[in-house]
Amino acid sequence: MVSLELQGLSASYAGRPVLSGVTTPVLQGGQLVALLGPNAAGKSTLFRRIFGLLKGGGEVRVEGATVPRPIAYMPQDSGARPVLTVYESILLARMQGRRLQVAPEDHAEVERILDLLAISHLRQRNIGDLSGGQRQMVSAAQVLVLNPQILLMDEPTSALDLSRQIDLLALLHRLTREQGLLIIVALHDIGHALHFSDAAMVIKSGQLIACGPTTETVTPNLLRHVFDVE
């Protein structure tokens, strides 16, 4: 089964440190990990550093991967082209890094993901005509269609209504069990983290404050410290 371990990860913007010495225990596939922290804590930077979009010190260790590109990343802003249809944007995501020779199995995988996320009815809609929540679901489809073994998702529920938030997090949790995925999700809702995640990583000011099983890690004292609540 795939695993991820971070050793002394650091990153800077314009010479200003934004991540410092982030070291985790081995995070195993088959679990959903909540990434928690206040605004500007470094959550997005950590994802970008793990995915390789930012350079810096330390090491990202992936073990047990069985595909050439085991990590997929869903940023807060997907940057999907507004002139594409939903189907086209998901198929294009599927083909990234490959020659544009679409095989029948590529179309089949796009269809499967549309059904999985219950967005088949949007297939011929242009991205530019979608609501924020609909675009967010398409962004989720664009990473799931890659069949990654490690999935990094930056605030994937921020534009969704409550029902869709619960549906998506429940689906992601189920996929970790059924497919052995390791999914790390940045969340603002502590209740969702407690309900859906198996483990939690908590960061503040670019430093890892705690990492472990959610119910043991996310305590009232820790939340008061991290979020500066009296």
Protein backbone atom coordinates (compact mmCIF):
# COMPACT_ATOMS: atom_id res chain seq x y z
CA MET A 1 0.00 0.00 0.00
CA VAL A 2 1.18 3.51 -0.78
CA SER A 3 2.59 5.72 1.98
CA LEU A 4 3.80 9.31 2.33
CA GLU A 5 6.33 10.73 4.75
CA LEU A 6 7.58 14.31 5.01
CA GLN A 7 11.05 14.97 6.34
CA GLY A 8 12.03 18.54 7.28
CA LEU A 9 10.00 20.18 4.52
CA SER A 10 10.55 23.91 4.08
CA ALA A 11 9.62 26.56 1.51
CA SER A 12 10.01 30.29 1.03
CA TYR A 13 8.36 33.06 -0.97
CA ALA A 14 10.62 35.95 -2.02
CA GLY A 15 13.12 34.92 0.63
CA ARG A 16 10.49 34.81 3.39
CA PRO A 17 10.11 31.37 5.06
CA VAL A 18 6.53 30.09 4.92
CA LEU A 19 7.15 26.45 5.81
CA SER A 20 9.73 25.32 8.34
CA GLY A 21 10.84 21.78 9.15
CA VAL A 22 7.56 19.97 8.52
CA THR A 23 8.14 16.34 9.51
CA THR A 24 5.40 13.73 9.74
CA PRO A 25 5.12 10.10 10.71
CA VAL A 26 4.45 7.72 7.84
CA LEU A 27 0.96 8.39 6.47
CA GLN A 28 -0.46 5.17 5.10
CA GLY A 29 -2.92 4.62 2.28
CA GLY A 30 -6.44 3.71 3.27
CA GLN A 31 -7.07 6.84 5.29
CA LEU A 32 -8.36 10.37 4.92
CA VAL A 33 -6.16 12.97 6.61
CA ALA A 34 -7.51 16.42 7.50
CA LEU A 35 -5.09 19.32 7.15
CA LEU A 36 -6.14 21.98 9.64
CA GLY A 37 -4.91 25.45 10.52
CA PRO A 38 -5.89 29.11 10.46
CA ASN A 39 -5.83 31.25 7.32
CA ALA A 40 -2.28 31.87 6.05
CA ALA A 41 -0.94 28.99 8.16
CA GLY A 42 0.76 27.47 5.10
CA LYS A 43 -1.71 24.76 4.09
CA SER A 44 -1.70 25.62 0.38
CA THR A 45 2.06 26.07 0.43
CA LEU A 46 2.47 22.64 2.00
CA PHE A 47 0.40 21.05 -0.75
CA ARG A 48 2.39 22.87 -3.44
CA ARG A 49 5.65 21.77 -1.82
CA ILE A 50 4.56 18.12 -1.61
CA PHE A 51 3.37 18.15 -5.22
CA GLY A 52 6.63 19.70 -6.41
CA LEU A 53 5.32 23.07 -7.55
CA LEU A 54 7.58 24.77 -5.00
CA LYS A 55 11.19 24.04 -4.27
CA GLY A 56 12.65 23.96 -0.80
CA GLY A 57 14.50 21.94 1.78
CA GLY A 58 13.58 18.54 3.09
CA GLU A 59 12.26 15.42 1.42
CA VAL A 60 8.94 13.99 0.28
CA ARG A 61 9.11 10.22 0.57
CA VAL A 62 6.56 8.09 -1.32
CA GLU A 63 6.71 4.32 -0.87
CA GLY A 64 4.64 1.58 -2.42
CA ALA A 65 3.52 3.54 -5.49
CA THR A 66 2.55 1.39 -8.46
CA VAL A 67 1.95 4.15 -11.03
CA PRO A 68 4.42 6.65 -12.54
CA ARG A 69 2.60 9.72 -11.16
CA PRO A 70 1.07 8.66 -7.86
CA ILE A 71 0.22 12.15 -6.51
CA ALA A 72 -2.58 14.38 -7.79
CA TYR A 73 -3.33 17.88 -6.51
CA MET A 74 -6.59 19.82 -6.49
CA PRO A 75 -5.82 23.50 -5.77
CA GLN A 76 -8.44 25.97 -4.59
CA ASP A 77 -8.57 27.49 -8.08
CA SER A 78 -8.49 24.86 -10.80
CA GLY A 79 -7.92 27.35 -13.62
CA ALA A 80 -10.16 25.29 -15.92
CA ARG A 81 -10.75 26.92 -19.29
CA PRO A 82 -14.23 28.48 -19.29
CA VAL A 83 -14.81 27.69 -22.98
CA LEU A 84 -14.53 23.93 -22.46
CA THR A 85 -17.45 21.72 -21.58
CA VAL A 86 -17.37 19.76 -18.35
CA TYR A 87 -16.76 16.54 -20.28
CA GLU A 88 -13.92 18.10 -22.29
CA SER A 89 -12.21 19.54 -19.22
CA ILE A 90 -12.24 16.21 -17.39
CA LEU A 91 -11.02 14.33 -20.46
CA LEU A 92 -8.24 16.89 -20.97
CA ALA A 93 -7.19 16.45 -17.34
CA ARG A 94 -7.13 12.70 -17.89
CA MET A 95 -4.79 13.13 -20.86
CA GLN A 96 -2.30 15.53 -19.26
CA GLY A 97 1.28 14.50 -19.82
CA ARG A 98 0.26 12.05 -22.54
CA ARG A 99 -0.09 12.22 -26.28
CA LEU A 100 -3.59 13.27 -27.18
CA GLN A 101 -4.61 9.88 -28.49
CA VAL A 102 -7.81 9.22 -26.62
CA ALA A 103 -8.60 5.56 -26.07
CA PRO A 104 -12.01 4.05 -25.32
CA GLU A 105 -10.93 3.41 -21.73
CA ASP A 106 -10.28 7.14 -21.29
CA HIS A 107 -13.87 7.95 -22.25
CA ALA A 108 -15.08 5.14 -20.00
CA GLU A 109 -13.13 6.56 -17.06
CA VAL A 110 -14.55 10.04 -17.59
CA GLU A 111 -18.05 8.56 -17.63
CA ARG A 112 -17.35 6.63 -14.44
CA ILE A 113 -16.14 9.73 -12.59
CA LEU A 114 -19.10 11.81 -13.79
CA ASP A 115 -21.41 9.14 -12.37
CA LEU A 116 -19.36 8.76 -9.19
CA LEU A 117 -19.68 12.47 -8.40
CA ALA A 118 -23.29 12.67 -9.63
CA ILE A 119 -22.50 15.41 -12.16
CA SER A 120 -23.35 13.59 -15.39
CA HIS A 121 -26.13 16.12 -16.00
CA LEU A 122 -23.43 18.83 -16.36
CA ARG A 123 -21.43 17.02 -19.03
CA GLN A 124 -22.26 19.36 -21.94
CA ARG A 125 -22.33 22.59 -19.91
CA ASN A 126 -19.49 25.08 -20.41
CA ILE A 127 -17.25 25.58 -17.40
CA GLY A 128 -17.83 29.32 -17.58
CA ASP A 129 -21.57 28.83 -17.10
CA LEU A 130 -21.28 26.82 -13.89
CA SER A 131 -21.76 27.97 -10.32
CA GLY A 132 -18.82 27.98 -7.94
CA GLY A 133 -19.94 24.75 -6.32
CA GLN A 134 -20.40 23.04 -9.69
CA ARG A 135 -16.92 24.11 -10.79
CA GLN A 136 -15.56 22.70 -7.55
CA MET A 137 -17.13 19.33 -8.28
CA VAL A 138 -15.59 19.40 -11.76
CA SER A 139 -12.21 20.14 -10.17
CA ALA A 140 -12.65 17.06 -7.99
CA ALA A 141 -13.47 15.03 -11.11
CA GLN A 142 -10.33 16.32 -12.82
CA VAL A 143 -8.08 14.81 -10.15
CA LEU A 144 -10.06 11.64 -9.49
CA VAL A 145 -10.02 10.76 -13.19
CA LEU A 146 -6.22 10.46 -12.93
CA ASN A 147 -6.62 7.49 -10.54
CA PRO A 148 -3.93 8.75 -8.15
CA GLN A 149 -2.75 6.84 -5.11
CA ILE A 150 -2.18 10.02 -3.10
CA LEU A 151 -4.61 12.90 -3.48
CA LEU A 152 -4.05 16.42 -2.12
CA MET A 153 -7.24 18.53 -2.01
CA ASP A 154 -7.14 22.18 -0.98
CA GLU A 155 -10.52 23.26 0.45
CA PRO A 156 -12.54 21.02 -1.93
CA THR A 157 -15.83 21.78 -0.14
CA SER A 158 -15.54 25.56 0.32
CA ALA A 159 -18.07 26.45 -2.42
CA LEU A 160 -20.48 23.56 -1.82
CA ASP A 161 -23.73 23.62 0.09
CA LEU A 162 -23.85 21.50 3.25
CA SER A 163 -25.45 18.50 1.60
CA ARG A 164 -22.81 18.40 -1.14
CA GLN A 165 -20.02 18.87 1.40
CA ILE A 166 -21.16 15.82 3.31
CA ASP A 167 -21.67 13.77 0.15
CA LEU A 168 -18.20 14.57 -1.20
CA LEU A 169 -16.37 13.93 2.08
CA ALA A 170 -18.27 10.67 2.59
CA LEU A 171 -17.32 9.60 -0.94
CA LEU A 172 -13.66 10.46 -0.40
CA HIS A 173 -13.61 8.54 2.86
CA ARG A 174 -15.17 5.54 1.12
CA LEU A 175 -12.58 5.67 -1.67
CA THR A 176 -9.74 5.51 0.83
CA ARG A 177 -11.20 2.25 2.13
CA GLU A 178 -12.10 0.69 -1.20
CA GLN A 179 -9.01 1.69 -3.19
CA GLY A 180 -6.34 2.17 -0.52
CA LEU A 181 -5.93 5.84 -1.40
CA LEU A 182 -4.25 8.33 0.88
CA ILE A 183 -6.28 11.54 0.68
CA ILE A 184 -5.16 14.72 2.46
CA VAL A 185 -7.89 17.37 2.59
CA ALA A 186 -7.50 20.94 3.82
CA LEU A 187 -10.63 21.80 5.79
CA HIS A 188 -11.94 24.74 7.78
CA ASP A 189 -14.84 22.86 9.36
CA ILE A 190 -13.52 21.12 12.47
CA GLY A 191 -16.75 19.13 12.75
CA HIS A 192 -16.23 17.66 9.30
CA ALA A 193 -12.64 16.81 10.18
CA LEU A 194 -13.73 15.01 13.34
CA HIS A 195 -16.46 13.10 11.52
CA PHE A 196 -14.77 12.10 8.26
CA SER A 197 -11.01 11.99 8.82
CA ASP A 198 -8.89 9.20 10.27
CA ALA A 199 -5.92 11.43 11.05
CA ALA A 200 -5.19 15.14 11.28
CA MET A 201 -2.23 17.36 10.51
CA VAL A 202 -2.39 20.73 12.25
CA ILE A 203 -0.17 23.60 11.18
CA LYS A 204 0.30 27.16 12.37
CA SER A 205 2.69 29.79 11.00
CA GLY A 206 4.26 27.26 8.65
CA GLN A 207 5.09 24.74 11.36
CA LEU A 208 3.53 21.36 12.08
CA ILE A 209 1.96 21.55 15.52
CA ALA A 210 0.50 18.04 15.70
CA CYS A 211 -0.09 14.97 13.54
CA GLY A 212 -1.91 11.81 14.53
CA PRO A 213 -5.30 10.11 14.85
CA THR A 214 -7.97 12.80 14.64
CA THR A 215 -9.78 12.09 17.90
CA GLU A 216 -6.48 12.08 19.82
CA THR A 217 -4.96 15.06 18.01
CA VAL A 218 -7.79 17.57 17.65
CA THR A 219 -8.36 18.50 21.29
CA PRO A 220 -9.93 21.66 22.76
CA ASN A 221 -6.56 22.77 24.12
CA LEU A 222 -4.87 22.35 20.74
CA LEU A 223 -7.64 24.25 18.95
CA ARG A 224 -7.40 27.11 21.42
CA HIS A 225 -3.66 27.29 20.83
CA VAL A 226 -3.75 27.01 17.05
CA PHE A 227 -6.69 29.32 16.44
CA ASP A 228 -5.84 31.75 19.27
CA VAL A 229 -9.16 31.25 21.01
CA GLU A 230 -9.36 32.34 24.64
